Amino acid sequence: MSDNKPKRTVAVALEHSPETKGAPKVTASGYGYVAEKILEMAFACGIKVREDADLAEILAAVDLDSEIPPEAFAAVAEILSYVYRLNAAEIGEAPIS
């Protein structure tokens, strides 16, 4: 029997600077109303949003201001690469390879 119940919205905000050597940190996370507010703030600030429900569930379990877990490195690195390329394209810089 399949579960047709809609999944609740989950959102996670990460902070990372290419200049820092540490892993990205979780700066906000939440479900339902809180997730909707995180997304609303991101869109209002022009922050790129990537949908990946499975990764969001993993990252939502991480304590705030903690680095992402090693098992999420590859997925988060792919997303950050995507975001950095989009940002570079918007300001007319050569893309990061």
PDB file of N, CA and C in Angstrom:
ATOM      1  N   MET A   1       0.849  -1.172   0.000  1.00  0.00           N
ATOM      2  CA  MET A   1       0.000   0.000   0.000  1.00  0.00           C
ATOM      3  C   MET A   1       0.894   1.235   0.000  1.00  0.00           C
ATOM      4  N   SER A   2       0.609   2.184  -0.883  1.00  0.00           N
ATOM      5  CA  SER A   2       1.431   3.388  -0.961  1.00  0.00           C
ATOM      6  C   SER A   2       0.859   4.478  -0.065  1.00  0.00           C
ATOM      7  N   ASP A   3       1.763   5.329   0.390  1.00  0.00           N
ATOM      8  CA  ASP A   3       1.385   6.439   1.250  1.00  0.00           C
ATOM      9  C   ASP A   3       1.199   7.672   0.373  1.00  0.00           C
ATOM     10  N   ASN A   4      -0.044   8.082   0.149  1.00  0.00           N
ATOM     11  CA  ASN A   4      -0.334   9.220  -0.710  1.00  0.00           C
ATOM     12  C   ASN A   4      -0.332  10.536   0.035  1.00  0.00           C
ATOM     13  N   LYS A   5       0.057  10.505   1.292  1.00  0.00           N
ATOM     14  CA  LYS A   5       0.102  11.715   2.094  1.00  0.00           C
ATOM     15  C   LYS A   5       1.177  12.655   1.546  1.00  0.00           C
ATOM     16  N   PRO A   6       0.833  13.936   1.300  1.00  0.00           N
ATOM     17  CA  PRO A   6       1.846  14.854   0.772  1.00  0.00           C
ATOM     18  C   PRO A   6       2.962  15.066   1.799  1.00  0.00           C
ATOM     19  N   LYS A   7       4.182  15.172   1.282  1.00  0.00           N
ATOM     20  CA  LYS A   7       5.324  15.421   2.164  1.00  0.00           C
ATOM     21  C   LYS A   7       5.265  16.859   2.663  1.00  0.00           C
ATOM     22  N   ARG A   8       5.668  17.060   3.894  1.00  0.00           N
ATOM     23  CA  ARG A   8       5.706  18.426   4.398  1.00  0.00           C
ATOM     24  C   ARG A   8       6.928  19.129   3.826  1.00  0.00           C
ATOM     25  N   THR A   9       6.803  20.420   3.669  1.00  0.00           N
ATOM     26  CA  THR A   9       7.889  21.223   3.119  1.00  0.00           C
ATOM     27  C   THR A   9       9.037  21.268   4.107  1.00  0.00           C
ATOM     28  N   VAL A  10      10.244  21.104   3.601  1.00  0.00           N
ATOM     29  CA  VAL A  10      11.447  21.224   4.414  1.00  0.00           C
ATOM     30  C   VAL A  10      12.397  22.166   3.682  1.00  0.00           C
ATOM     31  N   ALA A  11      13.056  23.031   4.434  1.00  0.00           N
ATOM     32  CA  ALA A  11      14.028  23.952   3.846  1.00  0.00           C
ATOM     33  C   ALA A  11      15.227  24.068   4.771  1.00  0.00           C
ATOM     34  N   VAL A  12      16.389  24.201   4.154  1.00  0.00           N
ATOM     35  CA  VAL A  12      17.643  24.345   4.898  1.00  0.00           C
ATOM     36  C   VAL A  12      18.445  25.440   4.221  1.00  0.00           C
ATOM     37  N   ALA A  13      19.028  26.328   5.028  1.00  0.00           N
ATOM     38  CA  ALA A  13      19.908  27.369   4.507  1.00  0.00           C
ATOM     39  C   ALA A  13      21.341  27.023   4.902  1.00  0.00           C
ATOM     40  N   LEU A  14      22.231  27.142   3.926  1.00  0.00           N
ATOM     41  CA  LEU A  14      23.646  26.871   4.161  1.00  0.00           C
ATOM     42  C   LEU A  14      24.454  28.141   3.978  1.00  0.00           C
ATOM     43  N   GLU A  15      25.549  28.222   4.679  1.00  0.00           N
ATOM     44  CA  GLU A  15      26.476  29.338   4.529  1.00  0.00           C
ATOM     45  C   GLU A  15      27.842  28.762   4.205  1.00  0.00           C
ATOM     46  N   HIS A  16      28.443  29.321   3.158  1.00  0.00           N
ATOM     47  CA  HIS A  16      29.792  28.893   2.781  1.00  0.00           C
ATOM     48  C   HIS A  16      30.458  29.998   1.992  1.00  0.00           C
ATOM     49  N   SER A  17      31.718  30.189   2.247  1.00  0.00           N
ATOM     50  CA  SER A  17      32.507  31.142   1.494  1.00  0.00           C
ATOM     51  C   SER A  17      33.632  30.370   0.820  1.00  0.00           C
ATOM     52  N   PRO A  18      33.851  30.597  -0.474  1.00  0.00           N
ATOM     53  CA  PRO A  18      34.925  29.869  -1.156  1.00  0.00           C
ATOM     54  C   PRO A  18      36.297  30.109  -0.522  1.00  0.00           C
ATOM     55  N   GLU A  19      36.439  31.203   0.202  1.00  0.00           N
ATOM     56  CA  GLU A  19      37.720  31.521   0.828  1.00  0.00           C
ATOM     57  C   GLU A  19      37.984  30.723   2.109  1.00  0.00           C
ATOM     58  N   THR A  20      36.946  30.192   2.722  1.00  0.00           N
ATOM     59  CA  THR A  20      37.139  29.444   3.964  1.00  0.00           C
ATOM     60  C   THR A  20      37.456  27.995   3.669  1.00  0.00           C
ATOM     61  N   LYS A  21      38.187  27.379   4.561  1.00  0.00           N
ATOM     62  CA  LYS A  21      38.596  25.996   4.355  1.00  0.00           C
ATOM     63  C   LYS A  21      37.601  24.996   4.936  1.00  0.00           C
ATOM     64  N   GLY A  22      36.714  25.429   5.814  1.00  0.00           N
ATOM     65  CA  GLY A  22      35.767  24.519   6.440  1.00  0.00           C
ATOM     66  C   GLY A  22      34.619  24.157   5.514  1.00  0.00           C
ATOM     67  N   ALA A  23      33.877  23.174   5.946  1.00  0.00           N
ATOM     68  CA  ALA A  23      32.685  22.741   5.203  1.00  0.00           C
ATOM     69  C   ALA A  23      31.570  23.766   5.394  1.00  0.00           C
ATOM     70  N   PRO A  24      30.589  23.779   4.496  1.00  0.00           N
ATOM     71  CA  PRO A  24      29.433  24.660   4.673  1.00  0.00           C
ATOM     72  C   PRO A  24      28.737  24.363   6.001  1.00  0.00           C
ATOM     73  N   LYS A  25      28.103  25.396   6.549  1.00  0.00           N
ATOM     74  CA  LYS A  25      27.376  25.251   7.814  1.00  0.00           C
ATOM     75  C   LYS A  25      25.885  25.448   7.581  1.00  0.00           C
ATOM     76  N   VAL A  26      25.103  24.758   8.382  1.00  0.00           N
ATOM     77  CA  VAL A  26      23.655  24.927   8.364  1.00  0.00           C
ATOM     78  C   VAL A  26      23.335  26.160   9.202  1.00  0.00           C
ATOM     79  N   THR A  27      22.691  27.151   8.581  1.00  0.00           N
ATOM     80  CA  THR A  27      22.381  28.390   9.300  1.00  0.00           C
ATOM     81  C   THR A  27      20.897  28.527   9.638  1.00  0.00           C
ATOM     82  N   ALA A  28      20.058  27.742   8.967  1.00  0.00           N
ATOM     83  CA  ALA A  28      18.626  27.744   9.273  1.00  0.00           C
ATOM     84  C   ALA A  28      18.019  26.465   8.717  1.00  0.00           C
ATOM     85  N   SER A  29      17.024  25.955   9.401  1.00  0.00           N
ATOM     86  CA  SER A  29      16.292  24.802   8.876  1.00  0.00           C
ATOM     87  C   SER A  29      14.930  24.745   9.538  1.00  0.00           C
ATOM     88  N   GLY A  30      14.009  24.145   8.833  1.00  0.00           N
ATOM     89  CA  GLY A  30      12.679  24.012   9.409  1.00  0.00           C
ATOM     90  C   GLY A  30      11.733  23.276   8.492  1.00  0.00           C
ATOM     91  N   TYR A  31      10.574  22.977   9.028  1.00  0.00           N
ATOM     92  CA  TYR A  31       9.521  22.256   8.324  1.00  0.00           C
ATOM     93  C   TYR A  31       8.259  23.111   8.292  1.00  0.00           C
ATOM     94  N   GLY A  32       7.411  22.841   7.320  1.00  0.00           N
ATOM     95  CA  GLY A  32       6.117  23.508   7.256  1.00  0.00           C
ATOM     96  C   GLY A  32       6.223  25.013   7.159  1.00  0.00           C
ATOM     97  N   TYR A  33       5.578  25.690   8.098  1.00  0.00           N
ATOM     98  CA  TYR A  33       5.540  27.151   8.091  1.00  0.00           C
ATOM     99  C   TYR A  33       6.943  27.750   8.135  1.00  0.00           C
ATOM    100  N   VAL A  34       7.808  27.210   8.972  1.00  0.00           N
ATOM    101  CA  VAL A  34       9.177  27.735   9.083  1.00  0.00           C
ATOM    102  C   VAL A  34       9.913  27.549   7.755  1.00  0.00           C
ATOM    103  N   ALA A  35       9.744  26.405   7.123  1.00  0.00           N
ATOM    104  CA  ALA A  35      10.370  26.158   5.820  1.00  0.00           C
ATOM    105  C   ALA A  35       9.872  27.164   4.784  1.00  0.00           C
ATOM    106  N   GLU A  36       8.582  27.420   4.781  1.00  0.00           N
ATOM    107  CA  GLU A  36       8.021  28.384   3.834  1.00  0.00           C
ATOM    108  C   GLU A  36       8.615  29.774   4.060  1.00  0.00           C
ATOM    109  N   LYS A  37       8.820  30.154   5.315  1.00  0.00           N
ATOM    110  CA  LYS A  37       9.415  31.457   5.626  1.00  0.00           C
ATOM    111  C   LYS A  37      10.882  31.519   5.185  1.00  0.00           C
ATOM    112  N   ILE A  38      11.627  30.423   5.365  1.00  0.00           N
ATOM    113  CA  ILE A  38      13.022  30.370   4.901  1.00  0.00           C
ATOM    114  C   ILE A  38      13.052  30.579   3.385  1.00  0.00           C
ATOM    115  N   LEU A  39      12.186  29.870   2.673  1.00  0.00           N
ATOM    116  CA  LEU A  39      12.137  30.006   1.213  1.00  0.00           C
ATOM    117  C   LEU A  39      11.707  31.410   0.798  1.00  0.00           C
ATOM    118  N   GLU A  40      10.718  31.956   1.483  1.00  0.00           N
ATOM    119  CA  GLU A  40      10.241  33.309   1.190  1.00  0.00           C
ATOM    120  C   GLU A  40      11.373  34.318   1.333  1.00  0.00           C
ATOM    121  N   MET A  41      12.144  34.201   2.409  1.00  0.00           N
ATOM    122  CA  MET A  41      13.269  35.114   2.636  1.00  0.00           C
ATOM    123  C   MET A  41      14.348  34.937   1.569  1.00  0.00           C
ATOM    124  N   ALA A  42      14.619  33.694   1.196  1.00  0.00           N
ATOM    125  CA  ALA A  42      15.628  33.432   0.165  1.00  0.00           C
ATOM    126  C   ALA A  42      15.210  34.077  -1.159  1.00  0.00           C
ATOM    127  N   PHE A  43      13.962  33.848  -1.561  1.00  0.00           N
ATOM    128  CA  PHE A  43      13.491  34.427  -2.822  1.00  0.00           C
ATOM    129  C   PHE A  43      13.520  35.950  -2.775  1.00  0.00           C
ATOM    130  N   ALA A  44      13.111  36.530  -1.659  1.00  0.00           N
ATOM    131  CA  ALA A  44      13.088  37.988  -1.518  1.00  0.00           C
ATOM    132  C   ALA A  44      14.489  38.587  -1.602  1.00  0.00           C
ATOM    133  N   CYS A  45      15.494  37.824  -1.172  1.00  0.00           N
ATOM    134  CA  CYS A  45      16.884  38.308  -1.188  1.00  0.00           C
ATOM    135  C   CYS A  45      17.635  37.902  -2.454  1.00  0.00           C
ATOM    136  N   GLY A  46      16.951  37.212  -3.362  1.00  0.00           N
ATOM    137  CA  GLY A  46      17.591  36.791  -4.597  1.00  0.00           C
ATOM    138  C   GLY A  46      18.573  35.647  -4.425  1.00  0.00           C
ATOM    139  N   ILE A  47      18.401  34.880  -3.352  1.00  0.00           N
ATOM    140  CA  ILE A  47      19.284  33.750  -3.089  1.00  0.00           C
ATOM    141  C   ILE A  47      18.819  32.561  -3.927  1.00  0.00           C
ATOM    142  N   LYS A  48      19.773  31.903  -4.559  1.00  0.00           N
ATOM    143  CA  LYS A  48      19.444  30.739  -5.385  1.00  0.00           C
ATOM    144  C   LYS A  48      18.944  29.604  -4.502  1.00  0.00           C
ATOM    145  N   VAL A  49      17.898  28.945  -4.959  1.00  0.00           N
ATOM    146  CA  VAL A  49      17.286  27.841  -4.226  1.00  0.00           C
ATOM    147  C   VAL A  49      17.345  26.601  -5.097  1.00  0.00           C
ATOM    148  N   ARG A  50      17.741  25.517  -4.512  1.00  0.00           N
ATOM    149  CA  ARG A  50      17.810  24.238  -5.238  1.00  0.00           C
ATOM    150  C   ARG A  50      16.926  23.244  -4.508  1.00  0.00           C
ATOM    151  N   GLU A  51      16.077  22.551  -5.229  1.00  0.00           N
ATOM    152  CA  GLU A  51      15.187  21.571  -4.623  1.00  0.00           C
ATOM    153  C   GLU A  51      15.830  20.194  -4.613  1.00  0.00           C
ATOM    154  N   ASP A  52      15.974  19.630  -3.439  1.00  0.00           N
ATOM    155  CA  ASP A  52      16.469  18.260  -3.264  1.00  0.00           C
ATOM    156  C   ASP A  52      15.933  17.796  -1.913  1.00  0.00           C
ATOM    157  N   ALA A  53      14.750  17.200  -1.931  1.00  0.00           N
ATOM    158  CA  ALA A  53      14.053  16.835  -0.699  1.00  0.00           C
ATOM    159  C   ALA A  53      14.862  15.886   0.174  1.00  0.00           C
ATOM    160  N   ASP A  54      15.523  14.899  -0.450  1.00  0.00           N
ATOM    161  CA  ASP A  54      16.301  13.940   0.338  1.00  0.00           C
ATOM    162  C   ASP A  54      17.470  14.615   1.051  1.00  0.00           C
ATOM    163  N   LEU A  55      18.188  15.474   0.324  1.00  0.00           N
ATOM    164  CA  LEU A  55      19.310  16.188   0.935  1.00  0.00           C
ATOM    165  C   LEU A  55      18.811  17.146   2.017  1.00  0.00           C
ATOM    166  N   ALA A  56      17.703  17.813   1.766  1.00  0.00           N
ATOM    167  CA  ALA A  56      17.151  18.732   2.765  1.00  0.00           C
ATOM    168  C   ALA A  56      16.796  17.995   4.048  1.00  0.00           C
ATOM    169  N   GLU A  57      16.251  16.804   3.931  1.00  0.00           N
ATOM    170  CA  GLU A  57      15.919  16.009   5.124  1.00  0.00           C
ATOM    171  C   GLU A  57      17.183  15.674   5.924  1.00  0.00           C
ATOM    172  N   ILE A  58      18.252  15.291   5.230  1.00  0.00           N
ATOM    173  CA  ILE A  58      19.517  14.978   5.915  1.00  0.00           C
ATOM    174  C   ILE A  58      20.054  16.218   6.621  1.00  0.00           C
ATOM    175  N   LEU A  59      20.064  17.342   5.899  1.00  0.00           N
ATOM    176  CA  LEU A  59      20.647  18.564   6.456  1.00  0.00           C
ATOM    177  C   LEU A  59      19.782  19.173   7.559  1.00  0.00           C
ATOM    178  N   ALA A  60      18.468  18.945   7.520  1.00  0.00           N
ATOM    179  CA  ALA A  60      17.580  19.477   8.558  1.00  0.00           C
ATOM    180  C   ALA A  60      17.864  18.835   9.911  1.00  0.00           C
ATOM    181  N   ALA A  61      18.481  17.669   9.904  1.00  0.00           N
ATOM    182  CA  ALA A  61      18.811  16.989  11.159  1.00  0.00           C
ATOM    183  C   ALA A  61      20.107  17.513  11.784  1.00  0.00           C
ATOM    184  N   VAL A  62      20.841  18.341  11.056  1.00  0.00           N
ATOM    185  CA  VAL A  62      22.110  18.890  11.545  1.00  0.00           C
ATOM    186  C   VAL A  62      21.818  20.081  12.467  1.00  0.00           C
ATOM    187  N   ASP A  63      22.561  20.165  13.565  1.00  0.00           N
ATOM    188  CA  ASP A  63      22.408  21.301  14.479  1.00  0.00           C
ATOM    189  C   ASP A  63      22.764  22.600  13.771  1.00  0.00           C
ATOM    190  N   LEU A  64      22.062  23.679  14.122  1.00  0.00           N
ATOM    191  CA  LEU A  64      22.372  24.987  13.552  1.00  0.00           C
ATOM    192  C   LEU A  64      23.808  25.376  13.871  1.00  0.00           C
ATOM    193  N   ASP A  65      24.441  26.074  12.932  1.00  0.00           N
ATOM    194  CA  ASP A  65      25.832  26.524  13.018  1.00  0.00           C
ATOM    195  C   ASP A  65      26.831  25.372  13.052  1.00  0.00           C
ATOM    196  N   SER A  66      26.383  24.180  12.635  1.00  0.00           N
ATOM    197  CA  SER A  66      27.274  23.027  12.537  1.00  0.00           C
ATOM    198  C   SER A  66      27.606  22.771  11.072  1.00  0.00           C
ATOM    199  N   GLU A  67      28.803  22.231  10.845  1.00  0.00           N
ATOM    200  CA  GLU A  67      29.185  21.881   9.489  1.00  0.00           C
ATOM    201  C   GLU A  67      28.342  20.709   8.998  1.00  0.00           C
ATOM    202  N   ILE A  68      28.161  20.652   7.690  1.00  0.00           N
ATOM    203  CA  ILE A  68      27.386  19.560   7.110  1.00  0.00           C
ATOM    204  C   ILE A  68      28.118  18.238   7.344  1.00  0.00           C
ATOM    205  N   PRO A  69      27.390  17.136   7.413  1.00  0.00           N
ATOM    206  CA  PRO A  69      28.031  15.829   7.639  1.00  0.00           C
ATOM    207  C   PRO A  69      28.777  15.363   6.388  1.00  0.00           C
ATOM    208  N   PRO A  70      29.823  14.557   6.571  1.00  0.00           N
ATOM    209  CA  PRO A  70      30.612  14.080   5.431  1.00  0.00           C
ATOM    210  C   PRO A  70      29.783  13.391   4.344  1.00  0.00           C
ATOM    211  N   GLU A  71      28.720  12.683   4.723  1.00  0.00           N
ATOM    212  CA  GLU A  71      27.922  11.986   3.708  1.00  0.00           C
ATOM    213  C   GLU A  71      27.161  12.945   2.791  1.00  0.00           C
ATOM    214  N   ALA A  72      27.105  14.218   3.152  1.00  0.00           N
ATOM    215  CA  ALA A  72      26.419  15.205   2.321  1.00  0.00           C
ATOM    216  C   ALA A  72      27.390  16.037   1.482  1.00  0.00           C
ATOM    217  N   PHE A  73      28.698  15.845   1.663  1.00  0.00           N
ATOM    218  CA  PHE A  73      29.699  16.665   0.971  1.00  0.00           C
ATOM    219  C   PHE A  73      29.508  16.687  -0.542  1.00  0.00           C
ATOM    220  N   ALA A  74      29.395  15.522  -1.169  1.00  0.00           N
ATOM    221  CA  ALA A  74      29.323  15.467  -2.630  1.00  0.00           C
ATOM    222  C   ALA A  74      28.094  16.204  -3.154  1.00  0.00           C
ATOM    223  N   ALA A  75      26.947  15.974  -2.546  1.00  0.00           N
ATOM    224  CA  ALA A  75      25.717  16.630  -3.006  1.00  0.00           C
ATOM    225  C   ALA A  75      25.782  18.135  -2.793  1.00  0.00           C
ATOM    226  N   VAL A  76      26.286  18.569  -1.646  1.00  0.00           N
ATOM    227  CA  VAL A  76      26.368  20.001  -1.364  1.00  0.00           C
ATOM    228  C   VAL A  76      27.410  20.660  -2.268  1.00  0.00           C
ATOM    229  N   ALA A  77      28.521  19.987  -2.522  1.00  0.00           N
ATOM    230  CA  ALA A  77      29.546  20.533  -3.421  1.00  0.00           C
ATOM    231  C   ALA A  77      28.973  20.749  -4.822  1.00  0.00           C
ATOM    232  N   GLU A  78      28.161  19.812  -5.284  1.00  0.00           N
ATOM    233  CA  GLU A  78      27.531  19.948  -6.601  1.00  0.00           C
ATOM    234  C   GLU A  78      26.605  21.160  -6.628  1.00  0.00           C
ATOM    235  N   ILE A  79      25.832  21.333  -5.570  1.00  0.00           N
ATOM    236  CA  ILE A  79      24.909  22.467  -5.493  1.00  0.00           C
ATOM    237  C   ILE A  79      25.668  23.782  -5.423  1.00  0.00           C
ATOM    238  N   LEU A  80      26.705  23.850  -4.590  1.00  0.00           N
ATOM    239  CA  LEU A  80      27.486  25.085  -4.480  1.00  0.00           C
ATOM    240  C   LEU A  80      28.154  25.431  -5.807  1.00  0.00           C
ATOM    241  N   SER A  81      28.649  24.436  -6.517  1.00  0.00           N
ATOM    242  CA  SER A  81      29.252  24.668  -7.823  1.00  0.00           C
ATOM    243  C   SER A  81      28.229  25.275  -8.773  1.00  0.00           C
ATOM    244  N   TYR A  82      27.029  24.727  -8.752  1.00  0.00           N
ATOM    245  CA  TYR A  82      25.931  25.238  -9.576  1.00  0.00           C
ATOM    246  C   TYR A  82      25.625  26.700  -9.225  1.00  0.00           C
ATOM    247  N   VAL A  83      25.528  26.995  -7.941  1.00  0.00           N
ATOM    248  CA  VAL A  83      25.212  28.353  -7.490  1.00  0.00           C
ATOM    249  C   VAL A  83      26.334  29.323  -7.857  1.00  0.00           C
ATOM    250  N   TYR A  84      27.587  28.930  -7.648  1.00  0.00           N
ATOM    251  CA  TYR A  84      28.711  29.804  -7.991  1.00  0.00           C
ATOM    252  C   TYR A  84      28.732  30.105  -9.494  1.00  0.00           C
ATOM    253  N   ARG A  85      28.425  29.103 -10.326  1.00  0.00           N
ATOM    254  CA  ARG A  85      28.392  29.332 -11.779  1.00  0.00           C
ATOM    255  C   ARG A  85      27.258  30.295 -12.141  1.00  0.00           C
ATOM    256  N   LEU A  86      26.093  30.121 -11.529  1.00  0.00           N
ATOM    257  CA  LEU A  86      24.980  31.033 -11.798  1.00  0.00           C
ATOM    258  C   LEU A  86      25.323  32.457 -11.385  1.00  0.00           C
ATOM    259  N   ASN A  87      25.907  32.607 -10.214  1.00  0.00           N
ATOM    260  CA  ASN A  87      26.272  33.941  -9.741  1.00  0.00           C
ATOM    261  C   ASN A  87      27.306  34.585 -10.655  1.00  0.00           C
ATOM    262  N   ALA A  88      28.293  33.822 -11.098  1.00  0.00           N
ATOM    263  CA  ALA A  88      29.320  34.350 -11.998  1.00  0.00           C
ATOM    264  C   ALA A  88      28.693  34.779 -13.321  1.00  0.00           C
ATOM    265  N   ALA A  89      27.771  33.991 -13.832  1.00  0.00           N
ATOM    266  CA  ALA A  89      27.114  34.321 -15.092  1.00  0.00           C
ATOM    267  C   ALA A  89      26.297  35.601 -14.969  1.00  0.00           C
ATOM    268  N   GLU A  90      25.669  35.798 -13.829  1.00  0.00           N
ATOM    269  CA  GLU A  90      24.837  36.992 -13.625  1.00  0.00           C
ATOM    270  C   GLU A  90      25.660  38.268 -13.609  1.00  0.00           C
ATOM    271  N   ILE A  91      26.898  38.187 -13.119  1.00  0.00           N
ATOM    272  CA  ILE A  91      27.715  39.406 -13.041  1.00  0.00           C
ATOM    273  C   ILE A  91      28.741  39.471 -14.171  1.00  0.00           C
ATOM    274  N   GLY A  92      28.663  38.520 -15.101  1.00  0.00           N
ATOM    275  CA  GLY A  92      29.494  38.561 -16.283  1.00  0.00           C
ATOM    276  C   GLY A  92      30.919  38.080 -16.102  1.00  0.00           C
ATOM    277  N   GLU A  93      31.188  37.315 -15.035  1.00  0.00           N
ATOM    278  CA  GLU A  93      32.528  36.779 -14.816  1.00  0.00           C
ATOM    279  C   GLU A  93      32.666  35.459 -15.562  1.00  0.00           C
ATOM    280  N   ALA A  94      33.921  35.052 -15.764  1.00  0.00           N
ATOM    281  CA  ALA A  94      34.174  33.734 -16.335  1.00  0.00           C
ATOM    282  C   ALA A  94      33.711  32.687 -15.317  1.00  0.00           C
ATOM    283  N   PRO A  95      33.041  31.622 -15.755  1.00  0.00           N
ATOM    284  CA  PRO A  95      32.549  30.609 -14.828  1.00  0.00           C
ATOM    285  C   PRO A  95      33.694  29.874 -14.124  1.00  0.00           C
ATOM    286  N   ILE A  96      33.419  29.438 -12.915  1.00  0.00           N
ATOM    287  CA  ILE A  96      34.369  28.633 -12.149  1.00  0.00           C
ATOM    288  C   ILE A  96      34.333  27.238 -12.722  1.00  0.00           C
ATOM    289  N   SER A  97      35.486  26.678 -12.996  1.00  0.00           N
ATOM    290  CA  SER A  97      35.489  25.323 -13.569  1.00  0.00           C
ATOM    291  C   SER A  97      35.703  24.268 -12.538  1.00  0.00           C
TER     292      SER A  97
END
